[in-house]
Structure formats: structure tokens, C-alpha cells
C-alpha atoms as a PDB file:
ATOM      1  CA  UNK A   1     -34.903 -46.889 -57.272  1.00  0.00           C
ATOM      2  CA  UNK A   2     -31.295 -45.346 -56.876  1.00  0.00           C
ATOM      3  CA  UNK A   3     -28.689 -47.625 -55.481  1.00  0.00           C
ATOM      4  CA  UNK A   4     -25.410 -45.809 -54.891  1.00  0.00           C
ATOM      5  CA  UNK A   5     -22.309 -48.052 -53.917  1.00  0.00           C
ATOM      6  CA  UNK A   6     -19.313 -46.273 -52.374  1.00  0.00           C
ATOM      7  CA  UNK A   7     -16.278 -48.167 -52.853  1.00  0.00           C
ATOM      8  CA  UNK A   8     -12.586 -47.971 -53.082  1.00  0.00           C
ATOM      9  CA  UNK A   9      -9.518 -50.379 -52.848  1.00  0.00           C
ATOM     10  CA  UNK A  10      -8.287 -49.368 -49.388  1.00  0.00           C
ATOM     11  CA  UNK A  11      -9.438 -48.301 -45.916  1.00  0.00           C
ATOM     12  CA  UNK A  12      -9.366 -44.773 -44.775  1.00  0.00           C
ATOM     13  CA  UNK A  13     -10.350 -43.522 -48.220  1.00  0.00           C
ATOM     14  CA  UNK A  14     -13.473 -41.703 -46.704  1.00  0.00           C
ATOM     15  CA  UNK A  15     -16.053 -44.322 -47.953  1.00  0.00           C
ATOM     16  CA  UNK A  16     -17.999 -44.296 -44.679  1.00  0.00           C
ATOM     17  CA  UNK A  17     -18.030 -40.613 -44.291  1.00  0.00           C
ATOM     18  CA  UNK A  18     -18.952 -40.145 -47.992  1.00  0.00           C
ATOM     19  CA  UNK A  19     -21.610 -42.709 -47.672  1.00  0.00           C
ATOM     20  CA  UNK A  20     -23.198 -41.069 -44.509  1.00  0.00           C
ATOM     21  CA  UNK A  21     -23.330 -37.675 -46.014  1.00  0.00           C
ATOM     22  CA  UNK A  22     -24.575 -38.874 -49.335  1.00  0.00           C
ATOM     23  CA  UNK A  23     -27.272 -40.559 -47.712  1.00  0.00           C
ATOM     24  CA  UNK A  24     -28.399 -37.770 -45.653  1.00  0.00           C
ATOM     25  CA  UNK A  25     -28.269 -35.311 -48.525  1.00  0.00           C
ATOM     26  CA  UNK A  26     -30.689 -37.656 -50.476  1.00  0.00           C
ATOM     27  CA  UNK A  27     -32.755 -37.825 -47.276  1.00  0.00           C
ATOM     28  CA  UNK A  28     -32.859 -33.998 -47.003  1.00  0.00           C
ATOM     29  CA  UNK A  29     -33.881 -33.647 -50.837  1.00  0.00           C
ATOM     30  CA  UNK A  30     -36.967 -35.571 -49.840  1.00  0.00           C
ATOM     31  CA  UNK A  31     -36.141 -39.124 -50.895  1.00  0.00           C
ATOM     32  CA  UNK A  32     -36.833 -42.251 -48.709  1.00  0.00           C
ATOM     33  CA  UNK A  33     -33.164 -43.503 -47.914  1.00  0.00           C
ATOM     34  CA  UNK A  34     -31.951 -46.916 -46.644  1.00  0.00           C
ATOM     35  CA  UNK A  35     -28.251 -47.080 -45.654  1.00  0.00           C
ATOM     36  CA  UNK A  36     -26.576 -50.552 -45.949  1.00  0.00           C
ATOM     37  CA  UNK A  37     -23.227 -51.321 -44.127  1.00  0.00           C
ATOM     38  CA  UNK A  38     -21.501 -54.059 -46.126  1.00  0.00           C
ATOM     39  CA  UNK A  39     -18.365 -53.873 -44.056  1.00  0.00           C
ATOM     40  CA  UNK A  40     -18.803 -56.756 -41.618  1.00  0.00           C
ATOM     41  CA  UNK A  41     -15.451 -56.136 -39.753  1.00  0.00           C
ATOM     42  CA  UNK A  42     -16.002 -52.208 -38.795  1.00  0.00           C
ATOM     43  CA  UNK A  43     -19.811 -51.921 -39.203  1.00  0.00           C
ATOM     44  CA  UNK A  44     -18.926 -48.137 -38.822  1.00  0.00           C
ATOM     45  CA  UNK A  45     -22.151 -47.137 -40.722  1.00  0.00           C
ATOM     46  CA  UNK A  46     -24.432 -49.193 -38.539  1.00  0.00           C
ATOM     47  CA  UNK A  47     -22.612 -47.737 -35.396  1.00  0.00           C
ATOM     48  CA  UNK A  48     -22.871 -44.335 -36.696  1.00  0.00           C
ATOM     49  CA  UNK A  49     -26.664 -44.610 -37.285  1.00  0.00           C
ATOM     50  CA  UNK A  50     -27.128 -45.744 -33.723  1.00  0.00           C
ATOM     51  CA  UNK A  51     -24.790 -43.042 -32.189  1.00  0.00           C
ATOM     52  CA  UNK A  52     -26.056 -40.053 -34.381  1.00  0.00           C
ATOM     53  CA  UNK A  53     -29.738 -41.008 -34.144  1.00  0.00           C
ATOM     54  CA  UNK A  54     -30.274 -40.842 -38.094  1.00  0.00           C
ATOM     55  CA  UNK A  55     -33.612 -40.172 -39.560  1.00  0.00           C
ATOM     56  CA  UNK A  56     -33.487 -43.360 -41.787  1.00  0.00           C
ATOM     57  CA  UNK A  57     -32.553 -47.053 -40.991  1.00  0.00           C
ATOM     58  CA  UNK A  58     -29.208 -48.692 -41.704  1.00  0.00           C
ATOM     59  CA  UNK A  59     -28.972 -52.442 -42.071  1.00  0.00           C
ATOM     60  CA  UNK A  60     -25.886 -54.573 -41.842  1.00  0.00           C
ATOM     61  CA  UNK A  61     -25.341 -56.698 -45.101  1.00  0.00           C
ATOM     62  CA  UNK A  62     -21.794 -58.011 -45.457  1.00  0.00           C
ATOM     63  CA  UNK A  63     -22.666 -60.728 -47.887  1.00  0.00           C
ATOM     64  CA  UNK A  64     -21.146 -61.981 -51.120  1.00  0.00           C
ATOM     65  CA  UNK A  65     -24.592 -62.345 -52.403  1.00  0.00           C
ATOM     66  CA  UNK A  66     -25.746 -58.796 -51.585  1.00  0.00           C
ATOM     67  CA  UNK A  67     -26.906 -58.314 -55.111  1.00  0.00           C
ATOM     68  CA  UNK A  68     -29.416 -61.072 -54.598  1.00  0.00           C
ATOM     69  CA  UNK A  69     -30.561 -60.507 -51.154  1.00  0.00           C
ATOM     70  CA  UNK A  70     -30.867 -56.577 -51.156  1.00  0.00           C
ATOM     71  CA  UNK A  71     -33.861 -56.291 -53.593  1.00  0.00           C
ATOM     72  CA  UNK A  72     -35.857 -58.348 -50.761  1.00  0.00           C
ATOM     73  CA  UNK A  73     -35.069 -55.722 -48.227  1.00  0.00           C
ATOM     74  CA  UNK A  74     -35.096 -52.628 -50.233  1.00  0.00           C
ATOM     75  CA  UNK A  75     -37.978 -52.284 -52.932  1.00  0.00           C
ATOM     76  CA  UNK A  76     -39.604 -49.275 -54.559  1.00  0.00           C
ATOM     77  CA  UNK A  77     -42.554 -49.408 -52.267  1.00  0.00           C
ATOM     78  CA  UNK A  78     -40.460 -48.536 -49.110  1.00  0.00           C
ATOM     79  CA  UNK A  79     -37.360 -46.607 -50.428  1.00  0.00           C
ATOM     80  CA  UNK A  80     -36.316 -44.372 -53.121  1.00  0.00           C
ATOM     81  CA  UNK A  81     -32.523 -44.579 -52.540  1.00  0.00           C
ATOM     82  CA  UNK A  82     -30.183 -47.028 -51.052  1.00  0.00           C
ATOM     83  CA  UNK A  83     -26.584 -46.183 -50.098  1.00  0.00           C
ATOM     84  CA  UNK A  84     -24.116 -48.933 -49.738  1.00  0.00           C
ATOM     85  CA  UNK A  85     -20.885 -48.461 -47.500  1.00  0.00           C
ATOM     86  CA  UNK A  86     -18.481 -51.191 -48.612  1.00  0.00           C
ATOM     87  CA  UNK A  87     -15.456 -52.788 -47.113  1.00  0.00           C
ATOM     88  CA  UNK A  88     -11.772 -52.501 -48.500  1.00  0.00           C
ATOM     89  CA  UNK A  89     -11.502 -54.328 -51.788  1.00  0.00           C
ATOM     90  CA  UNK A  90      -8.336 -56.185 -50.658  1.00  0.00           C
ATOM     91  CA  UNK A  91     -10.051 -57.606 -47.712  1.00  0.00           C
ATOM     92  CA  UNK A  92     -13.441 -58.397 -49.200  1.00  0.00           C
ATOM     93  CA  UNK A  93     -13.589 -58.047 -52.968  1.00  0.00           C
ATOM     94  CA  UNK A  94     -16.416 -60.658 -53.367  1.00  0.00           C
ATOM     95  CA  UNK A  95     -18.699 -58.597 -51.102  1.00  0.00           C
ATOM     96  CA  UNK A  96     -17.705 -55.185 -53.058  1.00  0.00           C
ATOM     97  CA  UNK A  97     -18.253 -56.952 -56.231  1.00  0.00           C
ATOM     98  CA  UNK A  98     -21.542 -57.897 -55.121  1.00  0.00           C
ATOM     99  CA  UNK A  99     -22.436 -54.424 -54.210  1.00  0.00           C
ATOM    100  CA  UNK A 100     -21.199 -53.204 -57.730  1.00  0.00           C
ATOM    101  CA  UNK A 101     -23.506 -55.717 -59.257  1.00  0.00           C
ATOM    102  CA  UNK A 102     -26.608 -54.185 -57.712  1.00  0.00           C
ATOM    103  CA  UNK A 103     -25.721 -50.355 -57.924  1.00  0.00           C
ATOM    104  CA  UNK A 104     -26.977 -48.183 -60.343  1.00  0.00           C
ATOM    105  CA  UNK A 105     -24.311 -45.572 -59.426  1.00  0.00           C
ATOM    106  CA  UNK A 106     -20.814 -46.218 -58.100  1.00  0.00           C
ATOM    107  CA  UNK A 107     -19.028 -43.337 -56.303  1.00  0.00           C
ATOM    108  CA  UNK A 108     -15.243 -43.887 -55.663  1.00  0.00           C
ATOM    109  CA  UNK A 109     -13.928 -41.348 -53.102  1.00  0.00           C
ATOM    110  CA  UNK A 110     -10.192 -40.626 -53.287  1.00  0.00           C
ATOM    111  CA  UNK A 111      -7.671 -38.022 -52.416  1.00  0.00           C
ATOM    112  CA  UNK A 112      -5.956 -36.452 -55.437  1.00  0.00           C
ATOM    113  CA  UNK A 113      -2.693 -37.936 -54.476  1.00  0.00           C
ATOM    114  CA  UNK A 114      -0.272 -40.365 -56.536  1.00  0.00           C
ATOM    115  CA  UNK A 115      -0.778 -43.189 -53.930  1.00  0.00           C
ATOM    116  CA  UNK A 116      -4.601 -43.207 -54.275  1.00  0.00           C
ATOM    117  CA  UNK A 117      -4.523 -42.633 -57.984  1.00  0.00           C
ATOM    118  CA  UNK A 118      -2.212 -45.769 -58.164  1.00  0.00           C
ATOM    119  CA  UNK A 119      -5.091 -47.739 -56.932  1.00  0.00           C
ATOM    120  CA  UNK A 120      -7.789 -46.675 -59.303  1.00  0.00           C
ATOM    121  CA  UNK A 121      -7.091 -49.312 -61.885  1.00  0.00           C
ATOM    122  CA  UNK A 122      -7.997 -52.050 -59.413  1.00  0.00           C
ATOM    123  CA  UNK A 123     -11.470 -50.231 -58.988  1.00  0.00           C
ATOM    124  CA  UNK A 124     -11.907 -49.917 -62.691  1.00  0.00           C
ATOM    125  CA  UNK A 125     -11.218 -53.639 -63.167  1.00  0.00           C
ATOM    126  CA  UNK A 126     -13.901 -54.573 -60.306  1.00  0.00           C
ATOM    127  CA  UNK A 127     -16.500 -52.328 -61.977  1.00  0.00           C
ATOM    128  CA  UNK A 128     -15.817 -53.973 -65.446  1.00  0.00           C
ATOM    129  CA  UNK A 129     -16.167 -57.433 -63.713  1.00  0.00           C
ATOM    130  CA  UNK A 130     -19.496 -56.459 -62.393  1.00  0.00           C
ATOM    131  CA  UNK A 131     -20.570 -55.028 -65.651  1.00  0.00           C
ATOM    132  CA  UNK A 132     -19.840 -58.461 -67.145  1.00  0.00           C
ATOM    133  CA  UNK A 133     -21.704 -60.130 -64.422  1.00  0.00           C
ATOM    134  CA  UNK A 134     -24.621 -57.713 -65.258  1.00  0.00           C
ATOM    135  CA  UNK A 135     -24.708 -59.056 -68.895  1.00  0.00           C
ATOM    136  CA  UNK A 136     -23.055 -55.847 -70.048  1.00  0.00           C
ATOM    137  CA  UNK A 137     -25.247 -53.366 -68.136  1.00  0.00           C
ATOM    138  CA  UNK A 138     -22.943 -50.717 -67.091  1.00  0.00           C
ATOM    139  CA  UNK A 139     -23.443 -48.856 -63.627  1.00  0.00           C
ATOM    140  CA  UNK A 140     -22.771 -45.122 -63.721  1.00  0.00           C
ATOM    141  CA  UNK A 141     -19.162 -44.749 -62.250  1.00  0.00           C
ATOM    142  CA  UNK A 142     -17.983 -41.287 -60.925  1.00  0.00           C
ATOM    143  CA  UNK A 143     -14.758 -40.462 -58.933  1.00  0.00           C
ATOM    144  CA  UNK A 144     -15.317 -38.018 -55.991  1.00  0.00           C
ATOM    145  CA  UNK A 145     -12.229 -36.057 -54.824  1.00  0.00           C
ATOM    146  CA  UNK A 146     -12.177 -36.026 -50.970  1.00  0.00           C
ATOM    147  CA  UNK A 147      -9.743 -34.423 -48.425  1.00  0.00           C
ATOM    148  CA  UNK A 148      -8.672 -31.985 -50.897  1.00  0.00           C
ATOM    149  CA  UNK A 149      -6.611 -28.850 -49.761  1.00  0.00           C
ATOM    150  CA  UNK A 150      -7.747 -25.370 -50.716  1.00  0.00           C
ATOM    151  CA  UNK A 151      -6.027 -23.911 -53.712  1.00  0.00           C
ATOM    152  CA  UNK A 152      -3.906 -26.865 -54.075  1.00  0.00           C
ATOM    153  CA  UNK A 153      -2.869 -27.526 -57.749  1.00  0.00           C
ATOM    154  CA  UNK A 154      -2.976 -31.290 -57.165  1.00  0.00           C
ATOM    155  CA  UNK A 155      -6.636 -31.290 -57.217  1.00  0.00           C
ATOM    156  CA  UNK A 156      -6.992 -29.970 -60.790  1.00  0.00           C
ATOM    157  CA  UNK A 157      -3.718 -31.958 -61.928  1.00  0.00           C
ATOM    158  CA  UNK A 158      -5.405 -35.304 -60.875  1.00  0.00           C
ATOM    159  CA  UNK A 159      -8.791 -34.248 -62.214  1.00  0.00           C
ATOM    160  CA  UNK A 160      -7.117 -33.780 -65.625  1.00  0.00           C
ATOM    161  CA  UNK A 161      -5.346 -37.131 -65.269  1.00  0.00           C
ATOM    162  CA  UNK A 162      -8.399 -39.302 -64.223  1.00  0.00           C
ATOM    163  CA  UNK A 163     -10.550 -37.499 -66.817  1.00  0.00           C
ATOM    164  CA  UNK A 164      -7.940 -38.334 -69.539  1.00  0.00           C
ATOM    165  CA  UNK A 165      -7.894 -41.937 -68.438  1.00  0.00           C
ATOM    166  CA  UNK A 166     -11.743 -42.059 -69.298  1.00  0.00           C
ATOM    167  CA  UNK A 167     -13.268 -41.562 -65.784  1.00  0.00           C
ATOM    168  CA  UNK A 168     -15.873 -38.952 -64.651  1.00  0.00           C
ATOM    169  CA  UNK A 169     -14.777 -36.744 -61.877  1.00  0.00           C
ATOM    170  CA  UNK A 170     -17.482 -34.976 -59.950  1.00  0.00           C
ATOM    171  CA  UNK A 171     -17.049 -31.123 -60.234  1.00  0.00           C
ATOM    172  CA  UNK A 172     -17.205 -30.263 -56.551  1.00  0.00           C
ATOM    173  CA  UNK A 173     -14.274 -31.731 -54.471  1.00  0.00           C
ATOM    174  CA  UNK A 174     -14.716 -32.376 -50.714  1.00  0.00           C
ATOM    175  CA  UNK A 175     -12.350 -30.412 -48.707  1.00  0.00           C
ATOM    176  CA  UNK A 176     -10.333 -31.616 -45.749  1.00  0.00           C
ATOM    177  CA  UNK A 177     -12.267 -30.221 -42.911  1.00  0.00           C
ATOM    178  CA  UNK A 178     -13.067 -30.940 -39.220  1.00  0.00           C
ATOM    179  CA  UNK A 179     -16.707 -31.085 -40.131  1.00  0.00           C
ATOM    180  CA  UNK A 180     -16.079 -34.358 -41.890  1.00  0.00           C
ATOM    181  CA  UNK A 181     -13.085 -35.708 -40.291  1.00  0.00           C
ATOM    182  CA  UNK A 182     -14.813 -35.450 -36.734  1.00  0.00           C
ATOM    183  CA  UNK A 183     -18.202 -36.260 -37.740  1.00  0.00           C
ATOM    184  CA  UNK A 184     -18.427 -40.078 -36.825  1.00  0.00           C
ATOM    185  CA  UNK A 185     -20.892 -40.678 -34.054  1.00  0.00           C
ATOM    186  CA  UNK A 186     -22.577 -37.274 -34.360  1.00  0.00           C
ATOM    187  CA  UNK A 187     -25.935 -36.404 -36.021  1.00  0.00           C
ATOM    188  CA  UNK A 188     -25.594 -34.858 -39.554  1.00  0.00           C
ATOM    189  CA  UNK A 189     -27.427 -31.765 -40.470  1.00  0.00           C
ATOM    190  CA  UNK A 190     -27.483 -29.762 -43.693  1.00  0.00           C
ATOM    191  CA  UNK A 191     -25.655 -32.437 -45.678  1.00  0.00           C
ATOM    192  CA  UNK A 192     -27.412 -31.020 -48.851  1.00  0.00           C
ATOM    193  CA  UNK A 193     -25.662 -27.699 -48.376  1.00  0.00           C
ATOM    194  CA  UNK A 194     -22.034 -29.353 -48.353  1.00  0.00           C
ATOM    195  CA  UNK A 195     -19.878 -30.458 -51.065  1.00  0.00           C
ATOM    196  CA  UNK A 196     -21.504 -33.782 -50.589  1.00  0.00           C
ATOM    197  CA  UNK A 197     -24.912 -32.228 -51.446  1.00  0.00           C
ATOM    198  CA  UNK A 198     -23.410 -30.866 -54.663  1.00  0.00           C
ATOM    199  CA  UNK A 199     -22.075 -34.196 -55.458  1.00  0.00           C
ATOM    200  CA  UNK A 200     -25.444 -35.836 -55.005  1.00  0.00           C
ATOM    201  CA  UNK A 201     -27.162 -33.173 -57.260  1.00  0.00           C
ATOM    202  CA  UNK A 202     -24.666 -33.705 -60.070  1.00  0.00           C
ATOM    203  CA  UNK A 203     -24.512 -37.362 -59.718  1.00  0.00           C
ATOM    204  CA  UNK A 204     -28.410 -37.789 -60.280  1.00  0.00           C
ATOM    205  CA  UNK A 205     -28.144 -35.466 -63.327  1.00  0.00           C
ATOM    206  CA  UNK A 206     -25.715 -37.741 -64.935  1.00  0.00           C
ATOM    207  CA  UNK A 207     -26.302 -40.447 -67.772  1.00  0.00           C
ATOM    208  CA  UNK A 208     -24.376 -42.910 -69.761  1.00  0.00           C
ATOM    209  CA  UNK A 209     -24.317 -41.782 -73.315  1.00  0.00           C
ATOM    210  CA  UNK A 210     -24.320 -44.215 -76.532  1.00  0.00           C
ATOM    211  CA  UNK A 211     -20.787 -44.500 -76.322  1.00  0.00           C
ATOM    212  CA  UNK A 212     -20.789 -45.723 -72.658  1.00  0.00           C
ATOM    213  CA  UNK A 213     -19.351 -42.523 -71.342  1.00  0.00           C
ATOM    214  CA  UNK A 214     -20.656 -40.684 -68.334  1.00  0.00           C
ATOM    215  CA  UNK A 215     -22.169 -37.311 -69.346  1.00  0.00           C
ATOM    216  CA  UNK A 216     -24.536 -34.657 -68.011  1.00  0.00           C
ATOM    217  CA  UNK A 217     -28.218 -35.248 -68.920  1.00  0.00           C
END
């Protein structure tokens, strides 16, 4: 079973929107999906599922022992993929760490800006901590550029920077569009044909090589 944790250090980085569209892209690809809302303060994914009448369930699990409890809720007989929307790391690092411990894939949505790039080391540190707690079993970690501006040089500049720092950046950036900015509370259709769909397709084609680096299969 695929378990994708969407995480970042700060609020407002596009985690919930990314989790929602990733989950719908997986559903449209024919997978049985469960959404998990681990943000106990906002519960945005739970609310969106109810308002938007999503075709798959979302459960609230804002728990520091999420990694222990999730397998009892999501098993291979019922679901093919789980997508976890996490709270900001500064407010609830223990919950985000728990989500990272159970994830097969971790997606970090971030805008290609200096401010958001400066917070990436804290995300890497959490992923490293989760790997240690998993006895060295490393989750696949990828950065997804969101809220990008068409033809802006910053996207490729930060792609080069983040890649040189050792992280994998998904090829298709998510543009700053009303389709995503105003999506909350509405049904989501044709997610697979958006940049998020491209991101999911690429993400599922990635592996971790013998050197511990993320690479295409």
C-alpha cells in the first residue's frame, strides 16, 4: 500500500490543497484511496471532504502515535493508497514525525522562494529523524514546487539549488491558479489531468537507489 504524507514546516504552504488533489488523482487512476487529516486544529481535509462530497473517505487522526494506529484503519484489503495531510511542523512536530514514520512517500510542497527554501533543512531533519526511528528504512522524499509563476526564472533557479542540495524535485511545477487557490469546499474533478496528476504519475515511478538517492525506476 502506498502511503503519501504531505508535509512542510509552515502553514499556508499548500499542504491541504496538494493532499486533496493528489488523493483525487490517485482515485481517478483507479486506486482505492483513504484521506487522513492529521491537522487537529484546522481539520481542513475533513471539512473539504464533507463540503465537496468526495468519492472516498477522509478520517481525522491528529495523533502522535499515528504510525501505530493507521495500520488498523487502513489495510491492504480496503485501500491501495493513503494520503495524509499534516499540520505545520512548528506547532505539532510529533504528529508530523509520526506521519513520516508510516509514509512510503513524503511530498514537501513549497514555493520556489528564499523564505520557503530556508525552511527546507528543518523538513530534512524531520525526515532523517523518522528514518532513524524506522531502523534506517528511508521513505521516498520529493519536493513539489507549488504556486509558481509562469516563465519566472525562480522556479529553475531553486530547482537547481534544491537538487544540488541532494533532494529530488518533481518535474512538473504547480502553477499559481484560481483552480487551486479557490478549490477548497468544492468537488474536485479531473485532478489527474492537472499538474498534480503529473506529479503523482512521476512520484509512483520513483525508487530509492543503492546509494540512497531518489531516481526514476
